[in-house]
Amino acid sequence: MKVGIIGFGSMGRMMAEKFSASGLVDKNTLLLASRSPEKLRDAKKWATICKTNSELSSETDIVFLALRPFDLKGVLEEIRDTLKEDALIVSLNGSVTFGNLEKSLTGSTAGADSVKTCVHRIAKVIPSVTAEVDRSQTLVCYNDQVTTEDKGNLKRLLSSMGDVIELPEKELGMGSELVSCMPGFIASIFDVITKSAEEHTDIPHDQVVRMVLQTMIATGELMLKKNMSFEDVVKRVATPGGITEEGTKVVYAQFPETARELFEKTLQKRAETSQKAESQFE
């Protein structure tokens, strides 16, 4: 099985490095292409560098498109006539629908007088920055043409970055909020907490941050290993009339409105982004 990645920005590079390190592909079976060839200079040691996107698509069984929305349509039209018949196309852009991806992949394949109507195998994948430490909750969804074998091959690759979660296309937006955006949300929340704590202590900044981070990690592991809910942890720590209870009362009283606004704003922005992305395919 040959795997190709078109686009070598931060996400394309990260996935290529993880796939290579996993041992599932080697220099001969991992192919890379980028409109900025200089980015691929160091990758020559562990991957095959293709001169064009079409060269890559003609040789690979799984083609990852690590591209921005306004680049996606052009690349799809560029490679559609060179794709292998049973290739799996994987878009890392969740904003473009399967319908529009398919539309861009349908075109002339045998001259001006012959138009081939294709039904392609397409998946959409949303990784998380936590893939850098092999803890990504990677989202994936498929169109109706993807086979069980395709799903197995893709899951093996994506598992090199962490867990894989399959969702229907309509849930990919909220799923992205919960796993792809969440590291940013969590970091901003604990940034605020840390700065507030520092107003009441002389403990050095680096130590405060480490104390909070280690406690955050340990709390997550505790919940997962002991199958505890958030409420279970609160009850375990916040004894009635105690100090922790005073703090949790503040959180439950004031934070829900912030959380509601957070999702309202981000989902609204996601809808606007999707509209802009879809307009590129009109």
Protein backbone atom coordinates (compact mmCIF):
# COMPACT_ATOMS: atom_id res chain seq x y z
CA MET A 1 0.00 0.00 0.00
CA LYS A 2 1.37 3.38 -1.03
CA VAL A 3 0.37 6.53 0.86
CA GLY A 4 0.62 10.04 -0.55
CA ILE A 5 0.34 13.42 1.14
CA ILE A 6 -0.22 16.57 -0.91
CA GLY A 7 0.58 19.67 1.12
CA PHE A 8 3.44 19.91 3.58
CA GLY A 9 2.41 22.57 6.06
CA SER A 10 2.36 21.89 9.78
CA MET A 11 -0.37 19.24 9.57
CA GLY A 12 0.92 17.52 6.43
CA ARG A 13 4.42 17.34 7.89
CA MET A 14 3.22 16.06 11.25
CA MET A 15 1.17 13.27 9.65
CA ALA A 16 4.01 12.30 7.32
CA GLU A 17 6.45 12.06 10.21
CA LYS A 18 4.04 10.00 12.31
CA PHE A 19 3.26 7.60 9.46
CA SER A 20 6.96 7.15 8.76
CA ALA A 21 7.86 6.61 12.42
CA SER A 22 5.09 4.00 12.78
CA GLY A 23 6.80 1.65 10.33
CA LEU A 24 3.56 1.23 8.36
CA VAL A 25 5.21 2.96 5.40
CA ASP A 26 8.80 3.36 4.28
CA LYS A 27 10.71 5.62 1.90
CA ASN A 28 9.30 3.78 -1.12
CA THR A 29 5.67 3.73 0.03
CA LEU A 30 5.31 7.24 1.47
CA LEU A 31 5.08 9.86 -1.27
CA LEU A 32 5.03 13.62 -0.70
CA ALA A 33 4.25 16.63 -2.89
CA SER A 34 4.13 20.35 -2.17
CA ARG A 35 3.89 23.57 -4.15
CA SER A 36 6.89 24.67 -2.03
CA PRO A 37 9.52 22.00 -2.84
CA GLU A 38 12.01 23.54 -0.42
CA LYS A 39 9.82 22.34 2.46
CA LEU A 40 10.44 18.75 1.39
CA ARG A 41 14.22 18.93 1.38
CA ASP A 42 14.74 17.17 4.72
CA ALA A 43 12.00 14.60 4.01
CA LYS A 44 14.04 13.07 1.15
CA LYS A 45 15.76 10.87 3.71
CA TRP A 46 12.57 8.99 4.65
CA ALA A 47 10.00 9.62 1.88
CA THR A 48 9.74 9.74 -1.91
CA ILE A 49 9.39 13.28 -3.24
CA CYS A 50 7.13 13.75 -6.25
CA LYS A 51 7.62 16.61 -8.70
CA THR A 52 3.88 17.07 -9.28
CA ASN A 53 0.61 16.27 -7.55
CA SER A 54 -0.43 14.15 -10.53
CA GLU A 55 2.71 12.04 -10.24
CA LEU A 56 1.83 11.34 -6.62
CA SER A 57 -1.84 10.57 -7.27
CA SER A 58 -1.05 8.13 -10.09
CA GLU A 59 1.00 5.91 -7.76
CA THR A 60 -0.75 6.00 -4.38
CA ASP A 61 -3.60 4.00 -2.88
CA ILE A 62 -4.46 6.60 -0.22
CA VAL A 63 -4.12 10.30 -1.07
CA PHE A 64 -4.19 12.77 1.84
CA LEU A 65 -4.99 16.37 0.93
CA ALA A 66 -3.53 18.63 3.63
CA LEU A 67 -4.73 21.80 1.94
CA ARG A 68 -6.58 25.03 2.64
CA PRO A 69 -10.14 25.28 1.23
CA PHE A 70 -9.27 27.65 -1.60
CA ASP A 71 -6.46 25.33 -2.76
CA LEU A 72 -8.52 22.15 -2.53
CA LYS A 73 -10.69 22.51 -5.64
CA GLY A 74 -7.77 23.21 -7.95
CA VAL A 75 -5.75 20.24 -6.69
CA LEU A 76 -8.75 17.90 -6.97
CA GLU A 77 -9.26 18.94 -10.58
CA GLU A 78 -5.54 18.55 -11.21
CA ILE A 79 -5.33 14.96 -9.95
CA ARG A 80 -8.75 13.56 -10.88
CA ASP A 81 -7.65 12.06 -14.20
CA THR A 82 -4.55 10.41 -12.73
CA LEU A 83 -6.03 8.86 -9.59
CA LYS A 84 -5.97 5.09 -9.33
CA GLU A 85 -9.47 3.65 -9.81
CA ASP A 86 -9.70 2.28 -6.28
CA ALA A 87 -7.85 5.12 -4.53
CA LEU A 88 -9.10 6.52 -1.23
CA ILE A 89 -9.06 10.33 -1.16
CA VAL A 90 -8.72 11.83 2.32
CA SER A 91 -9.41 15.53 2.88
CA LEU A 92 -8.10 17.17 6.03
CA ASN A 93 -10.58 20.00 5.53
CA GLY A 94 -13.86 19.36 7.30
CA SER A 95 -15.57 22.46 5.87
CA VAL A 96 -16.07 21.10 2.35
CA THR A 97 -18.89 18.59 1.88
CA PHE A 98 -18.54 15.19 0.29
CA GLY A 99 -20.85 16.44 -2.45
CA ASN A 100 -18.50 19.21 -3.50
CA LEU A 101 -15.42 17.02 -3.17
CA GLU A 102 -17.04 14.50 -5.49
CA LYS A 103 -18.13 17.22 -7.92
CA SER A 104 -14.54 18.41 -8.30
CA LEU A 105 -13.34 14.85 -8.87
CA THR A 106 -15.78 14.26 -11.71
CA GLY A 107 -14.50 15.29 -15.12
CA SER A 108 -13.06 14.42 -18.51
CA THR A 109 -10.72 11.44 -18.54
CA ALA A 110 -10.47 10.37 -22.17
CA GLY A 111 -10.54 13.48 -24.29
CA ALA A 112 -12.93 16.33 -24.87
CA ASP A 113 -15.69 14.10 -26.26
CA SER A 114 -15.70 11.66 -23.37
CA VAL A 115 -16.81 12.56 -19.87
CA LYS A 116 -16.56 10.04 -17.09
CA THR A 117 -18.99 10.25 -14.21
CA CYS A 118 -17.12 8.90 -11.18
CA VAL A 119 -18.11 7.76 -7.75
CA HIS A 120 -15.04 8.10 -5.57
CA ARG A 121 -14.07 6.75 -2.19
CA ILE A 122 -13.66 9.80 0.02
CA ALA A 123 -12.95 10.32 3.72
CA LYS A 124 -12.57 13.44 5.83
CA VAL A 125 -10.11 13.46 8.73
CA ILE A 126 -9.66 15.99 11.55
CA PRO A 127 -6.53 15.38 13.67
CA SER A 128 -5.61 17.22 16.87
CA VAL A 129 -2.38 18.97 17.81
CA THR A 130 -2.07 16.34 20.55
CA ALA A 131 -0.99 13.94 17.78
CA GLU A 132 2.49 15.34 18.41
CA VAL A 133 2.56 13.27 21.61
CA ASP A 134 0.62 10.34 20.09
CA ARG A 135 -2.58 11.31 21.93
CA SER A 136 -4.74 12.67 19.12
CA GLN A 137 -8.47 12.04 19.14
CA THR A 138 -8.61 11.94 15.34
CA LEU A 139 -12.06 12.31 13.79
CA VAL A 140 -12.95 10.52 10.58
CA CYS A 141 -16.05 10.25 8.42
CA TYR A 142 -16.65 8.47 5.12
CA ASN A 143 -18.84 8.73 2.05
CA ASP A 144 -20.95 5.73 1.04
CA GLN A 145 -18.35 4.34 -1.36
CA VAL A 146 -15.63 3.68 1.22
CA THR A 147 -15.10 -0.05 1.82
CA THR A 148 -14.42 -1.92 5.03
CA GLU A 149 -10.88 -2.54 3.81
CA ASP A 150 -10.40 1.20 3.17
CA LYS A 151 -11.55 1.98 6.69
CA GLY A 152 -9.18 -0.57 8.18
CA ASN A 153 -6.19 0.74 6.23
CA LEU A 154 -6.96 4.35 7.15
CA LYS A 155 -7.53 3.55 10.81
CA ARG A 156 -4.17 1.78 11.04
CA LEU A 157 -2.43 4.87 9.71
CA LEU A 158 -4.33 7.30 11.91
CA SER A 159 -3.80 5.13 14.99
CA SER A 160 -0.12 6.03 14.79
CA MET A 161 -1.21 9.44 16.15
CA GLY A 162 -3.61 8.23 18.85
CA ASP A 163 -7.27 7.20 18.98
CA VAL A 164 -9.62 7.28 15.97
CA ILE A 165 -13.27 8.33 16.32
CA GLU A 166 -15.75 7.77 13.49
CA LEU A 167 -18.58 10.33 13.23
CA PRO A 168 -21.26 11.09 10.63
CA GLU A 169 -20.48 14.07 8.43
CA LYS A 170 -23.12 16.28 10.10
CA GLU A 171 -21.42 15.85 13.51
CA LEU A 172 -17.92 16.68 12.33
CA GLY A 173 -18.33 20.34 13.34
CA MET A 174 -19.09 19.78 17.01
CA GLY A 175 -16.68 16.87 17.06
CA SER A 176 -13.97 19.28 15.95
CA GLU A 177 -14.88 21.66 18.77
CA LEU A 178 -14.44 18.83 21.28
CA VAL A 179 -11.11 17.43 20.10
CA SER A 180 -9.38 19.71 17.59
CA CYS A 181 -10.28 23.09 19.15
CA MET A 182 -10.41 21.83 22.73
CA PRO A 183 -6.65 22.00 23.43
CA GLY A 184 -6.87 25.74 22.72
CA PHE A 185 -9.96 26.11 24.90
CA ILE A 186 -8.38 24.17 27.75
CA ALA A 187 -5.11 26.08 27.50
CA SER A 188 -6.90 29.45 27.58
CA ILE A 189 -9.05 28.42 30.57
CA PHE A 190 -6.08 27.27 32.62
CA ASP A 191 -4.06 30.28 31.52
CA VAL A 192 -6.73 32.44 33.17
CA ILE A 193 -6.80 30.24 36.29
CA THR A 194 -3.01 30.28 36.59
CA LYS A 195 -2.78 34.05 36.26
CA SER A 196 -5.52 34.50 38.84
CA ALA A 197 -3.79 32.13 41.25
CA GLU A 198 -0.53 34.07 40.90
CA GLU A 199 -2.27 37.15 42.28
CA HIS A 200 -2.54 35.32 45.61
CA THR A 201 0.81 33.54 45.91
CA ASP A 202 4.57 33.94 45.70
CA ILE A 203 5.04 30.50 44.15
CA PRO A 204 7.08 30.98 40.93
CA HIS A 205 5.15 31.07 37.65
CA ASP A 206 6.77 27.95 36.19
CA GLN A 207 5.96 25.95 39.29
CA VAL A 208 2.35 27.14 39.33
CA VAL A 209 1.94 26.12 35.69
CA ARG A 210 3.48 22.71 36.28
CA MET A 211 1.30 22.08 39.35
CA VAL A 212 -1.84 22.91 37.37
CA LEU A 213 -0.82 20.87 34.32
CA GLN A 214 0.17 17.78 36.30
CA THR A 215 -3.07 17.94 38.26
CA MET A 216 -5.07 18.36 35.03
CA ILE A 217 -3.37 15.34 33.44
CA ALA A 218 -3.76 13.21 36.57
CA THR A 219 -7.45 14.13 36.90
CA GLY A 220 -8.11 13.00 33.34
CA GLU A 221 -6.27 9.72 33.91
CA LEU A 222 -8.15 9.17 37.16
CA MET A 223 -11.50 9.63 35.43
CA LEU A 224 -10.61 7.36 32.52
CA LYS A 225 -9.07 4.57 34.61
CA LYS A 226 -11.74 4.63 37.32
CA ASN A 227 -14.61 5.34 34.89
CA MET A 228 -15.54 8.42 36.90
CA SER A 229 -17.77 11.25 35.69
CA PHE A 230 -17.02 14.95 36.23
CA GLU A 231 -19.68 14.96 38.93
CA ASP A 232 -18.01 11.98 40.62
CA VAL A 233 -14.73 13.89 40.91
CA VAL A 234 -16.47 16.97 42.27
CA LYS A 235 -18.26 14.90 44.92
CA ARG A 236 -15.02 13.11 45.80
CA VAL A 237 -13.07 16.34 46.37
CA ALA A 238 -15.68 18.93 47.33
CA THR A 239 -16.83 17.78 50.74
CA PRO A 240 -19.96 19.56 52.05
CA GLY A 241 -19.07 22.82 53.75
CA GLY A 242 -15.43 22.51 52.66
CA ILE A 243 -13.04 24.77 50.77
CA THR A 244 -13.32 23.02 47.39
CA GLU A 245 -17.11 23.26 47.50
CA GLU A 246 -16.87 27.06 47.66
CA GLY A 247 -14.83 27.06 44.46
CA THR A 248 -17.05 24.62 42.58
CA LYS A 249 -20.11 26.70 43.48
CA VAL A 250 -18.51 29.67 41.70
CA VAL A 251 -17.69 27.58 38.63
CA TYR A 252 -21.17 26.10 38.32
CA ALA A 253 -22.81 29.48 38.93
CA GLN A 254 -20.74 31.59 36.54
CA PHE A 255 -19.00 29.41 33.97
CA PRO A 256 -22.07 27.92 32.16
CA GLU A 257 -22.80 31.25 30.46
CA THR A 258 -19.19 31.50 29.28
CA ALA A 259 -19.32 27.94 27.95
CA ARG A 260 -22.59 28.61 26.10
CA GLU A 261 -21.16 31.75 24.50
CA LEU A 262 -17.95 29.92 23.61
CA PHE A 263 -19.80 27.29 21.57
CA GLU A 264 -22.22 29.82 20.08
CA LYS A 265 -19.33 31.94 18.82
CA THR A 266 -17.18 29.07 17.57
CA LEU A 267 -20.02 27.25 15.84
CA GLN A 268 -21.13 30.49 14.20
CA LYS A 269 -17.58 31.04 12.97
CA ARG A 270 -17.44 27.44 11.76
CA ALA A 271 -20.65 27.97 9.75
CA GLU A 272 -19.21 31.13 8.17
CA THR A 273 -15.97 29.31 7.35
CA SER A 274 -17.90 26.44 5.77
CA GLN A 275 -19.89 28.85 3.62
CA LYS A 276 -16.70 30.48 2.38
CA ALA A 277 -15.13 27.10 1.70
CA GLU A 278 -18.18 25.87 -0.16
CA SER A 279 -18.26 29.05 -2.28
CA GLN A 280 -14.91 28.00 -3.75
CA PHE A 281 -16.71 25.08 -5.42
CA GLU A 282 -19.54 27.03 -7.03
